[in-house]
PDB file of N, CA and C in Angstrom:
ATOM      1  N   MET A   1     -37.797  30.418  15.435  1.00  0.00           N
ATOM      2  CA  MET A   1     -38.261  31.206  16.563  1.00  0.00           C
ATOM      3  C   MET A   1     -39.071  32.381  16.028  1.00  0.00           C
ATOM      4  N   SER A   2     -40.241  32.558  16.556  1.00  0.00           N
ATOM      5  CA  SER A   2     -41.107  33.630  16.066  1.00  0.00           C
ATOM      6  C   SER A   2     -40.689  34.980  16.640  1.00  0.00           C
ATOM      7  N   LYS A   3     -41.162  36.016  16.003  1.00  0.00           N
ATOM      8  CA  LYS A   3     -40.835  37.379  16.448  1.00  0.00           C
ATOM      9  C   LYS A   3     -41.435  37.655  17.822  1.00  0.00           C
ATOM     10  N   LEU A   4     -42.598  37.087  18.067  1.00  0.00           N
ATOM     11  CA  LEU A   4     -43.235  37.285  19.362  1.00  0.00           C
ATOM     12  C   LEU A   4     -42.441  36.610  20.475  1.00  0.00           C
ATOM     13  N   ALA A   5     -41.849  35.474  20.174  1.00  0.00           N
ATOM     14  CA  ALA A   5     -41.027  34.776  21.166  1.00  0.00           C
ATOM     15  C   ALA A   5     -39.760  35.570  21.468  1.00  0.00           C
ATOM     16  N   ILE A   6     -39.215  36.212  20.477  1.00  0.00           N
ATOM     17  CA  ILE A   6     -38.013  37.024  20.685  1.00  0.00           C
ATOM     18  C   ILE A   6     -38.336  38.212  21.586  1.00  0.00           C
ATOM     19  N   LEU A   7     -39.474  38.862  21.341  1.00  0.00           N
ATOM     20  CA  LEU A   7     -39.878  39.983  22.190  1.00  0.00           C
ATOM     21  C   LEU A   7     -40.159  39.523  23.617  1.00  0.00           C
ATOM     22  N   SER A   8     -40.759  38.356  23.747  1.00  0.00           N
ATOM     23  CA  SER A   8     -41.021  37.806  25.078  1.00  0.00           C
ATOM     24  C   SER A   8     -39.719  37.498  25.809  1.00  0.00           C
ATOM     25  N   GLU A   9     -38.768  36.931  25.108  1.00  0.00           N
ATOM     26  CA  GLU A   9     -37.472  36.628  25.712  1.00  0.00           C
ATOM     27  C   GLU A   9     -36.729  37.912  26.103  1.00  0.00           C
ATOM     28  N   LEU A  10     -36.834  38.930  25.274  1.00  0.00           N
ATOM     29  CA  LEU A  10     -36.213  40.217  25.604  1.00  0.00           C
ATOM     30  C   LEU A  10     -36.851  40.815  26.855  1.00  0.00           C
ATOM     31  N   TRP A  11     -38.172  40.725  26.957  1.00  0.00           N
ATOM     32  CA  TRP A  11     -38.866  41.244  28.136  1.00  0.00           C
ATOM     33  C   TRP A  11     -38.428  40.495  29.393  1.00  0.00           C
ATOM     34  N   GLN A  12     -38.305  39.179  29.297  1.00  0.00           N
ATOM     35  CA  GLN A  12     -37.852  38.383  30.434  1.00  0.00           C
ATOM     36  C   GLN A  12     -36.431  38.764  30.837  1.00  0.00           C
ATOM     37  N   PHE A  13     -35.570  38.995  29.871  1.00  0.00           N
ATOM     38  CA  PHE A  13     -34.198  39.412  30.153  1.00  0.00           C
ATOM     39  C   PHE A  13     -34.175  40.735  30.906  1.00  0.00           C
ATOM     40  N   LEU A  14     -34.973  41.707  30.409  1.00  0.00           N
ATOM     41  CA  LEU A  14     -35.009  43.017  31.051  1.00  0.00           C
ATOM     42  C   LEU A  14     -35.541  42.914  32.480  1.00  0.00           C
ATOM     43  N   LYS A  15     -36.528  42.051  32.679  1.00  0.00           N
ATOM     44  CA  LYS A  15     -37.128  41.903  33.992  1.00  0.00           C
ATOM     45  C   LYS A  15     -36.184  41.230  34.984  1.00  0.00           C
ATOM     46  N   VAL A  16     -35.540  40.156  34.564  1.00  0.00           N
ATOM     47  CA  VAL A  16     -34.676  39.394  35.465  1.00  0.00           C
ATOM     48  C   VAL A  16     -33.386  40.143  35.767  1.00  0.00           C
ATOM     49  N   ARG A  17     -32.784  40.729  34.754  1.00  0.00           N
ATOM     50  CA  ARG A  17     -31.485  41.372  34.916  1.00  0.00           C
ATOM     51  C   ARG A  17     -31.581  42.830  35.376  1.00  0.00           C
ATOM     52  N   LYS A  18     -32.810  43.354  35.496  1.00  0.00           N
ATOM     53  CA  LYS A  18     -33.040  44.741  35.917  1.00  0.00           C
ATOM     54  C   LYS A  18     -32.342  45.742  34.996  1.00  0.00           C
ATOM     55  N   LYS A  19     -32.412  45.498  33.722  1.00  0.00           N
ATOM     56  CA  LYS A  19     -31.804  46.380  32.711  1.00  0.00           C
ATOM     57  C   LYS A  19     -32.862  47.313  32.127  1.00  0.00           C
ATOM     58  N   TRP A  20     -33.533  48.050  32.991  1.00  0.00           N
ATOM     59  CA  TRP A  20     -34.626  48.905  32.546  1.00  0.00           C
ATOM     60  C   TRP A  20     -34.158  50.033  31.635  1.00  0.00           C
ATOM     61  N   TRP A  21     -32.896  50.405  31.707  1.00  0.00           N
ATOM     62  CA  TRP A  21     -32.394  51.487  30.860  1.00  0.00           C
ATOM     63  C   TRP A  21     -32.337  51.070  29.395  1.00  0.00           C
ATOM     64  N   LEU A  22     -32.402  49.747  29.115  1.00  0.00           N
ATOM     65  CA  LEU A  22     -32.407  49.291  27.729  1.00  0.00           C
ATOM     66  C   LEU A  22     -33.777  49.468  27.062  1.00  0.00           C
ATOM     67  N   GLY A  23     -34.821  49.597  27.869  1.00  0.00           N
ATOM     68  CA  GLY A  23     -36.182  49.723  27.330  1.00  0.00           C
ATOM     69  C   GLY A  23     -36.346  50.879  26.361  1.00  0.00           C
ATOM     70  N   PRO A  24     -35.988  52.103  26.747  1.00  0.00           N
ATOM     71  CA  PRO A  24     -36.144  53.220  25.804  1.00  0.00           C
ATOM     72  C   PRO A  24     -35.282  53.081  24.552  1.00  0.00           C
ATOM     73  N   ILE A  25     -34.129  52.480  24.683  1.00  0.00           N
ATOM     74  CA  ILE A  25     -33.255  52.291  23.516  1.00  0.00           C
ATOM     75  C   ILE A  25     -33.909  51.330  22.533  1.00  0.00           C
ATOM     76  N   VAL A  26     -34.414  50.220  23.032  1.00  0.00           N
ATOM     77  CA  VAL A  26     -35.087  49.239  22.177  1.00  0.00           C
ATOM     78  C   VAL A  26     -36.324  49.849  21.537  1.00  0.00           C
ATOM     79  N   PHE A  27     -37.093  50.596  22.315  1.00  0.00           N
ATOM     80  CA  PHE A  27     -38.295  51.242  21.785  1.00  0.00           C
ATOM     81  C   PHE A  27     -37.942  52.207  20.664  1.00  0.00           C
ATOM     82  N   PHE A  28     -36.909  53.015  20.863  1.00  0.00           N
ATOM     83  CA  PHE A  28     -36.502  53.984  19.847  1.00  0.00           C
ATOM     84  C   PHE A  28     -36.017  53.277  18.574  1.00  0.00           C
ATOM     85  N   LEU A  29     -35.268  52.205  18.722  1.00  0.00           N
ATOM     86  CA  LEU A  29     -34.792  51.468  17.548  1.00  0.00           C
ATOM     87  C   LEU A  29     -35.951  50.827  16.783  1.00  0.00           C
ATOM     88  N   LEU A  30     -36.929  50.287  17.501  1.00  0.00           N
ATOM     89  CA  LEU A  30     -38.100  49.717  16.836  1.00  0.00           C
ATOM     90  C   LEU A  30     -38.912  50.801  16.120  1.00  0.00           C
ATOM     91  N   LEU A  31     -39.015  51.961  16.743  1.00  0.00           N
ATOM     92  CA  LEU A  31     -39.722  53.074  16.125  1.00  0.00           C
ATOM     93  C   LEU A  31     -39.029  53.533  14.843  1.00  0.00           C
ATOM     94  N   LEU A  32     -37.712  53.641  14.873  1.00  0.00           N
ATOM     95  CA  LEU A  32     -36.972  54.029  13.668  1.00  0.00           C
ATOM     96  C   LEU A  32     -37.101  52.985  12.562  1.00  0.00           C
ATOM     97  N   ALA A  33     -37.042  51.709  12.938  1.00  0.00           N
ATOM     98  CA  ALA A  33     -37.188  50.639  11.944  1.00  0.00           C
ATOM     99  C   ALA A  33     -38.571  50.708  11.296  1.00  0.00           C
ATOM    100  N   PHE A  34     -39.589  50.916  12.117  1.00  0.00           N
ATOM    101  CA  PHE A  34     -40.948  51.027  11.588  1.00  0.00           C
ATOM    102  C   PHE A  34     -41.070  52.236  10.664  1.00  0.00           C
ATOM    103  N   LEU A  35     -40.478  53.342  11.036  1.00  0.00           N
ATOM    104  CA  LEU A  35     -40.522  54.551  10.214  1.00  0.00           C
ATOM    105  C   LEU A  35     -39.834  54.333   8.870  1.00  0.00           C
ATOM    106  N   ILE A  36     -38.711  53.659   8.872  1.00  0.00           N
ATOM    107  CA  ILE A  36     -37.984  53.401   7.623  1.00  0.00           C
ATOM    108  C   ILE A  36     -38.785  52.473   6.715  1.00  0.00           C
ATOM    109  N   VAL A  37     -39.379  51.441   7.278  1.00  0.00           N
ATOM    110  CA  VAL A  37     -40.179  50.518   6.474  1.00  0.00           C
ATOM    111  C   VAL A  37     -41.420  51.211   5.935  1.00  0.00           C
ATOM    112  N   LEU A  38     -42.035  52.050   6.754  1.00  0.00           N
ATOM    113  CA  LEU A  38     -43.253  52.732   6.353  1.00  0.00           C
ATOM    114  C   LEU A  38     -43.011  53.726   5.218  1.00  0.00           C
ATOM    115  N   THR A  39     -41.884  54.423   5.237  1.00  0.00           N
ATOM    116  CA  THR A  39     -41.616  55.461   4.237  1.00  0.00           C
ATOM    117  C   THR A  39     -40.689  54.978   3.125  1.00  0.00           C
ATOM    118  N   GLU A  40     -40.560  53.689   2.988  1.00  0.00           N
ATOM    119  CA  GLU A  40     -39.613  53.122   2.014  1.00  0.00           C
ATOM    120  C   GLU A  40     -39.900  53.576   0.585  1.00  0.00           C
ATOM    121  N   GLY A  41     -41.141  53.573   0.198  1.00  0.00           N
ATOM    122  CA  GLY A  41     -41.461  53.895  -1.190  1.00  0.00           C
ATOM    123  C   GLY A  41     -42.017  55.292  -1.374  1.00  0.00           C
ATOM    124  N   SER A  42     -41.976  56.116  -0.364  1.00  0.00           N
ATOM    125  CA  SER A  42     -42.593  57.435  -0.484  1.00  0.00           C
ATOM    126  C   SER A  42     -41.550  58.505  -0.814  1.00  0.00           C
ATOM    127  N   ALA A  43     -42.057  59.708  -0.976  1.00  0.00           N
ATOM    128  CA  ALA A  43     -41.176  60.841  -1.272  1.00  0.00           C
ATOM    129  C   ALA A  43     -40.400  61.294  -0.041  1.00  0.00           C
ATOM    130  N   LEU A  44     -40.785  60.817   1.134  1.00  0.00           N
ATOM    131  CA  LEU A  44     -40.094  61.193   2.365  1.00  0.00           C
ATOM    132  C   LEU A  44     -38.811  60.386   2.592  1.00  0.00           C
ATOM    133  N   ALA A  45     -38.622  59.331   1.834  1.00  0.00           N
ATOM    134  CA  ALA A  45     -37.477  58.437   2.055  1.00  0.00           C
ATOM    135  C   ALA A  45     -36.133  59.175   2.033  1.00  0.00           C
ATOM    136  N   PRO A  46     -35.856  60.058   1.086  1.00  0.00           N
ATOM    137  CA  PRO A  46     -34.544  60.744   1.113  1.00  0.00           C
ATOM    138  C   PRO A  46     -34.323  61.572   2.378  1.00  0.00           C
ATOM    139  N   PHE A  47     -35.386  62.119   2.939  1.00  0.00           N
ATOM    140  CA  PHE A  47     -35.241  62.923   4.154  1.00  0.00           C
ATOM    141  C   PHE A  47     -34.997  62.047   5.367  1.00  0.00           C
ATOM    142  N   ILE A  48     -35.628  60.877   5.405  1.00  0.00           N
ATOM    143  CA  ILE A  48     -35.436  59.951   6.517  1.00  0.00           C
ATOM    144  C   ILE A  48     -34.009  59.417   6.476  1.00  0.00           C
ATOM    145  N   TYR A  49     -33.536  59.005   5.310  1.00  0.00           N
ATOM    146  CA  TYR A  49     -32.207  58.438   5.205  1.00  0.00           C
ATOM    147  C   TYR A  49     -31.117  59.496   5.449  1.00  0.00           C
ATOM    148  N   ALA A  50     -31.444  60.746   5.249  1.00  0.00           N
ATOM    149  CA  ALA A  50     -30.474  61.815   5.501  1.00  0.00           C
ATOM    150  C   ALA A  50     -30.192  61.975   6.992  1.00  0.00           C
ATOM    151  N   LEU A  51     -31.099  61.504   7.830  1.00  0.00           N
ATOM    152  CA  LEU A  51     -30.884  61.575   9.281  1.00  0.00           C
ATOM    153  C   LEU A  51     -29.736  60.677   9.727  1.00  0.00           C
ATOM    154  N   PHE A  52     -29.465  59.646   8.978  1.00  0.00           N
ATOM    155  CA  PHE A  52     -28.435  58.683   9.360  1.00  0.00           C
ATOM    156  C   PHE A  52     -27.143  59.001   8.665  1.00  0.00           C
TER     157      PHE A  52
END
């Protein structure tokens, strides 16, 4: 299953089940994941990991 299919299925779930409050949570988690991957090899990594 591709990543795009998973996002599409998640969108369908949110739409059908009216779970709109999950949208900001998912967005924030994706943003944090992107931030961690982006700063993995930089000097900012210790500061990012200190948040958790």
